Amino acid sequence: MGISTAVVYEEKIYLVDLGHGSHTQLVKAGLQGEGFGGTSFTNVRGIFFTHLHSDHTVEWPAVYATAGMNAIGRSGDPIMVFGPGDRGSLVRVFPPDRKAPELYNPADPTPGIVGMTGYLRNAFAQDFNDRARDSNFASPDTTFNVTDIGLDEVWTVDPDGIPPKLTKPIQVWQDGDVTITATLVDHRPTAPAFGYRFDTPDGSVVVSGDTGVSANLIDLARDCDYLVHEVIDPQFADDLAAALPPEIAGPVKEHLLVSHTTIESVGRDVAEPAGAKNLVLTHMVPTDNPISRWMEAKEGYGGRVIVGEDLMQLNL
């Protein structure tokens, strides 16, 4: 299924990314509310998007549109939703001598999570109006509080999307005993892209999002209990490039190898210098590698390597 991670502390659930099928997986993981009326988002406190590539956000429209039925039983504050804001600049064209392609939505070509959600509100207007008028359903705006993570004092995103080195983490949210911080990771040219850290009285979890080896992420993950990190087999990039037309092969291979972290690097160059106690491999590309190949991430790393699987649960 698509990429998504749940961090659970007591009855509170924090979701990082909503890839394809993640709403269904939330229920399969047993994280829905209890008893009659306990629904999938009864106990969800927050949703955190690492970046706005479709494989990390494609379930957000479904979650947003069906909130009226799937958040029954909630009480108190709305679900907090955090993610990248409008980057304010278009990604550079690669290779640089290629003609720029036609823009999608030229009046607003780089919306952040708030802008994206506004378009969803309009797209589902018929459904929302039907249910509000016929069944007195509340607006999804009362279920979710959607916020762009501000970077005004940190970075003005440029077309290359290479983030600066940060001197401290970005404070995102303090939810009682749970502290959520973020940093800028290197998923160039896609930006901003975030990694998130969850500190609880029971321990700490860091989720990388999509990134190459990132000094910022290493700083964020210092001495964490679990580092949940993406990984790619570089052989896949070679094999894919060989199967693609030449005009696509070069750019795709460049992105895969520069903007993601290889098996050989993730343990040695990220988890080890961070001092992470456990390295959990996630968002693994390709999906059909043998476990023995993924376990080569152990080389150069003194902690434990865990090859992630759908619905795997790890305890602190």
Protein backbone atom coordinates (compact mmCIF):
# COMPACT_ATOMS: atom_id res chain seq x y z
CA MET A 1 0.00 0.00 0.00
CA GLY A 2 1.00 3.65 -0.18
CA ILE A 3 3.38 5.35 2.19
CA SER A 4 1.99 6.29 5.62
CA THR A 5 3.22 5.99 9.20
CA ALA A 6 1.23 6.20 12.44
CA VAL A 7 2.90 7.33 15.66
CA VAL A 8 0.69 6.39 18.61
CA TYR A 9 1.03 7.69 22.17
CA GLU A 10 -1.63 6.58 24.65
CA GLU A 11 -4.91 7.14 22.75
CA LYS A 12 -3.46 9.81 20.46
CA ILE A 13 -2.65 9.02 16.82
CA TYR A 14 -0.37 11.11 14.62
CA LEU A 15 -0.20 10.25 10.90
CA VAL A 16 2.73 11.08 8.65
CA ASP A 17 1.69 11.16 4.97
CA LEU A 18 -1.40 9.62 3.42
CA GLY A 19 -0.38 7.43 0.51
CA HIS A 20 -2.77 5.24 -1.48
CA GLY A 21 -4.88 3.02 0.77
CA SER A 22 -3.65 4.50 4.04
CA HIS A 23 -7.17 5.23 5.31
CA THR A 24 -8.07 1.55 4.97
CA GLN A 25 -4.77 0.54 6.56
CA LEU A 26 -5.50 2.73 9.58
CA VAL A 27 -8.53 0.56 10.31
CA LYS A 28 -6.69 -2.70 9.56
CA ALA A 29 -4.06 -1.63 12.10
CA GLY A 30 -6.79 -1.53 14.74
CA LEU A 31 -6.47 2.20 15.34
CA GLN A 32 -10.12 3.14 14.87
CA GLY A 33 -12.31 4.25 17.76
CA GLU A 34 -13.84 1.56 19.96
CA GLY A 35 -17.46 0.45 20.07
CA PHE A 36 -20.45 1.48 17.98
CA GLY A 37 -19.80 4.92 16.51
CA GLY A 38 -16.06 4.59 16.91
CA THR A 39 -14.74 5.60 13.50
CA SER A 40 -11.41 5.66 11.73
CA PHE A 41 -10.48 9.20 12.74
CA THR A 42 -11.95 9.23 16.24
CA ASN A 43 -8.50 9.26 17.89
CA VAL A 44 -6.41 10.97 15.22
CA ARG A 45 -4.85 14.15 16.60
CA GLY A 46 -2.71 15.27 13.70
CA ILE A 47 -1.70 14.65 10.08
CA PHE A 48 1.75 15.69 8.87
CA PHE A 49 2.68 15.82 5.20
CA THR A 50 6.37 15.55 4.40
CA HIS A 51 5.93 16.95 0.89
CA LEU A 52 3.23 17.21 -1.72
CA HIS A 53 4.14 14.50 -4.21
CA SER A 54 1.03 12.51 -5.05
CA ASP A 55 2.31 9.21 -3.61
CA HIS A 56 2.35 10.91 -0.18
CA THR A 57 -0.91 12.87 -0.44
CA VAL A 58 -3.28 10.94 -2.72
CA GLU A 59 -5.44 9.70 0.18
CA TRP A 60 -5.92 13.22 1.57
CA PRO A 61 -8.83 13.98 -0.80
CA ALA A 62 -10.62 10.82 0.40
CA VAL A 63 -9.94 11.57 4.07
CA TYR A 64 -11.01 15.20 3.71
CA ALA A 65 -14.16 14.45 1.72
CA THR A 66 -15.43 11.67 4.00
CA ALA A 67 -14.64 13.35 7.33
CA GLY A 68 -18.33 13.74 8.15
CA MET A 69 -18.75 9.97 8.49
CA ASN A 70 -15.26 8.99 9.59
CA ALA A 71 -14.73 11.40 12.48
CA ILE A 72 -17.92 10.62 14.41
CA GLY A 73 -17.18 10.28 18.09
CA ARG A 74 -14.47 12.92 18.14
CA SER A 75 -14.60 15.53 20.85
CA GLY A 76 -12.55 18.60 21.49
CA ASP A 77 -10.18 20.22 19.03
CA PRO A 78 -10.16 19.59 15.27
CA ILE A 79 -7.53 17.37 13.69
CA MET A 80 -4.42 19.44 13.09
CA VAL A 81 -2.99 19.13 9.57
CA PHE A 82 0.50 20.44 8.78
CA GLY A 83 2.46 20.46 5.55
CA PRO A 84 4.47 22.51 3.08
CA GLY A 85 3.19 25.91 2.06
CA ASP A 86 3.27 27.46 -1.39
CA ARG A 87 6.91 27.20 -2.48
CA GLY A 88 6.66 30.49 -4.35
CA SER A 89 8.87 29.37 -7.23
CA LEU A 90 8.64 26.77 -9.96
CA VAL A 91 10.98 23.80 -10.06
CA ARG A 92 13.85 24.28 -12.53
CA VAL A 93 13.54 22.48 -15.88
CA PHE A 94 15.89 19.52 -16.30
CA PRO A 95 17.92 19.18 -18.44
CA PRO A 96 18.31 22.97 -18.53
CA ASP A 97 18.33 23.14 -22.33
CA ARG A 98 14.87 21.54 -22.55
CA LYS A 99 11.86 23.68 -23.43
CA ALA A 100 9.72 24.45 -20.39
CA PRO A 101 6.51 22.38 -20.41
CA GLU A 102 3.07 23.95 -20.26
CA LEU A 103 2.06 24.95 -16.74
CA TYR A 104 -0.77 23.31 -14.87
CA ASN A 105 -3.03 25.87 -13.20
CA PRO A 106 -0.82 28.81 -14.21
CA ALA A 107 -2.70 31.24 -11.95
CA ASP A 108 -1.64 29.18 -8.91
CA PRO A 109 0.96 26.62 -9.99
CA THR A 110 2.55 25.77 -6.61
CA PRO A 111 -0.15 25.61 -3.91
CA GLY A 112 0.76 24.36 -0.46
CA ILE A 113 -1.36 22.11 1.74
CA VAL A 114 -3.75 24.95 2.59
CA GLY A 115 -4.18 25.88 -1.09
CA MET A 116 -4.56 22.24 -2.11
CA THR A 117 -7.26 21.72 0.51
CA GLY A 118 -9.11 24.79 -0.73
CA TYR A 119 -9.32 23.20 -4.17
CA LEU A 120 -10.67 20.00 -2.60
CA ARG A 121 -13.36 22.02 -0.83
CA ASN A 122 -14.49 23.34 -4.21
CA ALA A 123 -14.15 20.02 -6.02
CA PHE A 124 -16.44 18.22 -3.55
CA ALA A 125 -18.93 21.10 -3.29
CA GLN A 126 -21.88 19.09 -4.59
CA ASP A 127 -21.32 16.33 -2.04
CA PHE A 128 -20.76 18.74 0.84
CA ASN A 129 -23.84 20.78 -0.04
CA ASP A 130 -26.02 17.66 -0.40
CA ARG A 131 -25.00 16.32 2.98
CA ALA A 132 -25.19 19.66 4.76
CA ARG A 133 -28.69 20.37 3.45
CA ASP A 134 -30.09 16.84 3.68
CA SER A 135 -28.39 15.43 6.81
CA ASN A 136 -27.05 18.51 8.63
CA PHE A 137 -23.46 17.28 8.20
CA ALA A 138 -20.81 19.64 9.45
CA SER A 139 -18.27 21.17 7.11
CA PRO A 140 -14.89 19.40 6.93
CA ASP A 141 -13.51 22.78 7.94
CA THR A 142 -14.74 22.01 11.46
CA THR A 143 -12.98 18.63 11.46
CA PHE A 144 -9.58 19.78 10.18
CA ASN A 145 -7.39 22.75 10.99
CA VAL A 146 -5.02 22.94 8.02
CA THR A 147 -1.78 24.91 8.40
CA ASP A 148 1.16 25.66 6.12
CA ILE A 149 4.48 25.32 7.94
CA GLY A 150 5.98 28.78 7.66
CA LEU A 151 9.54 29.28 6.43
CA ASP A 152 9.70 33.09 6.42
CA GLU A 153 12.72 33.20 8.73
CA VAL A 154 14.30 30.02 7.38
CA TRP A 155 14.35 29.84 3.59
CA THR A 156 13.01 31.38 0.42
CA VAL A 157 12.65 28.34 -1.81
CA ASP A 158 14.48 28.67 -5.11
CA PRO A 159 14.03 26.64 -8.34
CA ASP A 160 16.81 24.19 -7.40
CA GLY A 161 15.12 23.31 -4.12
CA ILE A 162 18.33 22.55 -2.21
CA PRO A 163 17.57 23.37 1.44
CA PRO A 164 19.94 25.33 3.66
CA LYS A 165 21.60 23.86 6.75
CA LEU A 166 19.45 24.66 9.76
CA THR A 167 20.85 25.56 13.16
CA LYS A 168 17.77 24.32 15.02
CA PRO A 169 14.63 22.32 14.30
CA ILE A 170 11.36 23.91 13.23
CA GLN A 171 8.82 23.93 16.05
CA VAL A 172 5.57 22.50 14.68
CA TRP A 173 3.22 21.60 17.55
CA GLN A 174 3.15 20.85 21.26
CA ASP A 175 0.24 18.51 21.96
CA GLY A 176 0.32 17.85 25.67
CA ASP A 177 3.15 15.40 26.33
CA VAL A 178 3.96 15.06 22.62
CA THR A 179 6.36 17.49 20.96
CA ILE A 180 6.51 17.57 17.17
CA THR A 181 9.42 19.25 15.42
CA ALA A 182 10.52 19.24 11.80
CA THR A 183 13.46 19.95 9.58
CA LEU A 184 14.08 20.59 5.91
CA VAL A 185 15.24 17.49 4.05
CA ASP A 186 16.78 17.28 0.60
CA HIS A 187 14.29 15.99 -1.95
CA ARG A 188 15.53 18.39 -4.60
CA PRO A 189 14.09 19.97 -6.62
CA THR A 190 10.84 19.29 -4.74
CA ALA A 191 10.65 21.75 -1.86
CA PRO A 192 9.95 22.36 0.86
CA ALA A 193 10.17 18.76 2.05
CA PHE A 194 10.14 17.91 5.73
CA GLY A 195 11.22 15.20 8.12
CA TYR A 196 9.35 15.05 11.44
CA ARG A 197 10.33 14.10 14.99
CA PHE A 198 7.89 12.99 17.68
CA ASP A 199 9.17 13.18 21.26
CA THR A 200 7.02 11.50 23.91
CA PRO A 201 7.60 10.40 27.52
CA ASP A 202 8.03 6.87 26.15
CA GLY A 203 10.65 7.73 23.51
CA SER A 204 11.26 9.37 20.15
CA VAL A 205 10.38 8.57 16.54
CA VAL A 206 11.75 10.35 13.46
CA VAL A 207 10.19 9.96 10.00
CA SER A 208 12.40 11.05 7.12
CA GLY A 209 9.96 11.61 4.28
CA ASP A 210 11.63 11.46 0.86
CA THR A 211 15.22 12.67 0.95
CA GLY A 212 18.79 12.12 -0.04
CA VAL A 213 21.38 11.98 2.72
CA SER A 214 20.52 15.07 4.77
CA ALA A 215 22.63 16.76 7.44
CA ASN A 216 19.47 18.43 8.72
CA LEU A 217 17.78 15.06 9.19
CA ILE A 218 20.82 13.65 10.98
CA ASP A 219 20.60 16.55 13.43
CA LEU A 220 16.86 16.03 13.92
CA ALA A 221 17.34 12.29 14.52
CA ARG A 222 20.08 12.57 17.17
CA ASP A 223 19.79 9.67 19.63
CA CYS A 224 16.23 8.84 18.58
CA ASP A 225 14.73 5.47 19.40
CA TYR A 226 13.42 4.83 15.88
CA LEU A 227 14.47 6.41 12.60
CA VAL A 228 11.89 5.51 9.95
CA HIS A 229 13.72 6.22 6.71
CA GLU A 230 13.03 5.82 2.99
CA VAL A 231 15.45 3.78 0.89
CA ILE A 232 16.15 2.95 -2.75
CA ASP A 233 18.21 0.22 -4.39
CA PRO A 234 20.44 2.04 -6.94
CA GLN A 235 20.19 -0.99 -9.23
CA PHE A 236 16.52 -0.16 -9.67
CA ALA A 237 17.42 3.30 -10.99
CA ASP A 238 19.76 1.71 -13.54
CA ASP A 239 17.19 -0.88 -14.60
CA LEU A 240 14.39 1.68 -14.92
CA ALA A 241 16.51 4.08 -16.94
CA ALA A 242 17.42 1.28 -19.33
CA ALA A 243 13.73 0.60 -19.96
CA LEU A 244 12.65 4.22 -20.52
CA PRO A 245 12.89 6.38 -23.65
CA PRO A 246 16.17 8.35 -23.69
CA GLU A 247 14.47 11.72 -23.21
CA ILE A 248 12.96 10.49 -19.92
CA ALA A 249 15.62 8.05 -18.71
CA GLY A 250 18.27 10.61 -17.79
CA PRO A 251 16.06 12.95 -15.71
CA VAL A 252 14.34 10.05 -13.93
CA LYS A 253 17.61 8.36 -12.98
CA GLU A 254 19.08 11.68 -11.81
CA HIS A 255 16.09 12.32 -9.55
CA LEU A 256 16.03 8.83 -8.09
CA LEU A 257 19.70 8.80 -7.13
CA VAL A 258 20.06 12.42 -5.96
CA SER A 259 16.74 12.85 -4.17
CA HIS A 260 16.55 9.50 -2.38
CA THR A 261 18.86 7.52 -0.09
CA THR A 262 20.49 4.29 -1.22
CA ILE A 263 20.79 1.04 0.69
CA GLU A 264 24.52 1.59 1.03
CA SER A 265 24.05 5.09 2.52
CA VAL A 266 21.04 4.94 4.80
CA GLY A 267 22.68 3.08 7.68
CA ARG A 268 26.29 4.19 7.33
CA ASP A 269 25.71 7.83 6.40
CA VAL A 270 22.45 8.67 8.19
CA ALA A 271 21.46 6.36 11.05
CA GLU A 272 25.01 5.85 12.35
CA PRO A 273 26.04 9.53 12.62
CA ALA A 274 22.60 10.33 14.07
CA GLY A 275 23.05 7.72 16.78
CA ALA A 276 19.60 6.25 16.03
CA LYS A 277 18.97 3.12 18.09
CA ASN A 278 16.81 1.47 15.43
CA LEU A 279 16.62 2.05 11.67
CA VAL A 280 13.29 1.12 10.10
CA LEU A 281 13.32 0.95 6.31
CA THR A 282 10.17 2.27 4.66
CA HIS A 283 8.96 3.42 1.24
CA MET A 284 11.34 0.84 -0.23
CA VAL A 285 12.00 0.96 -3.96
CA PRO A 286 11.63 -1.51 -5.60
CA THR A 287 8.95 -3.36 -3.66
CA ASP A 288 10.08 -6.84 -4.67
CA ASN A 289 13.68 -6.89 -3.40
CA PRO A 290 14.61 -9.82 -1.14
CA ILE A 291 14.97 -8.93 2.53
CA SER A 292 18.63 -9.93 2.37
CA ARG A 293 19.31 -7.06 -0.05
CA TRP A 294 17.63 -4.50 2.22
CA MET A 295 19.58 -5.83 5.20
CA GLU A 296 22.78 -4.66 3.53
CA ALA A 297 21.84 -1.29 5.06
CA LYS A 298 23.33 -2.76 8.24
CA GLU A 299 26.89 -2.30 6.93
CA GLY A 300 28.50 0.63 8.70
CA TYR A 301 25.68 0.96 11.23
CA GLY A 302 25.84 -0.24 14.82
CA GLY A 303 22.13 -0.28 15.59
CA ARG A 304 19.29 -2.58 14.62
CA VAL A 305 17.92 -2.60 11.05
CA ILE A 306 14.23 -3.44 10.61
CA VAL A 307 12.82 -4.03 7.14
CA GLY A 308 9.38 -2.45 7.19
CA GLU A 309 6.23 -4.29 6.18
CA ASP A 310 2.62 -3.16 5.79
CA LEU A 311 0.86 -3.02 9.18
CA MET A 312 4.07 -3.70 11.12
CA GLN A 313 3.84 -2.37 14.69
CA LEU A 314 6.92 -1.48 16.75
CA ASN A 315 6.75 -0.67 20.44
CA LEU A 316 8.65 1.82 22.58
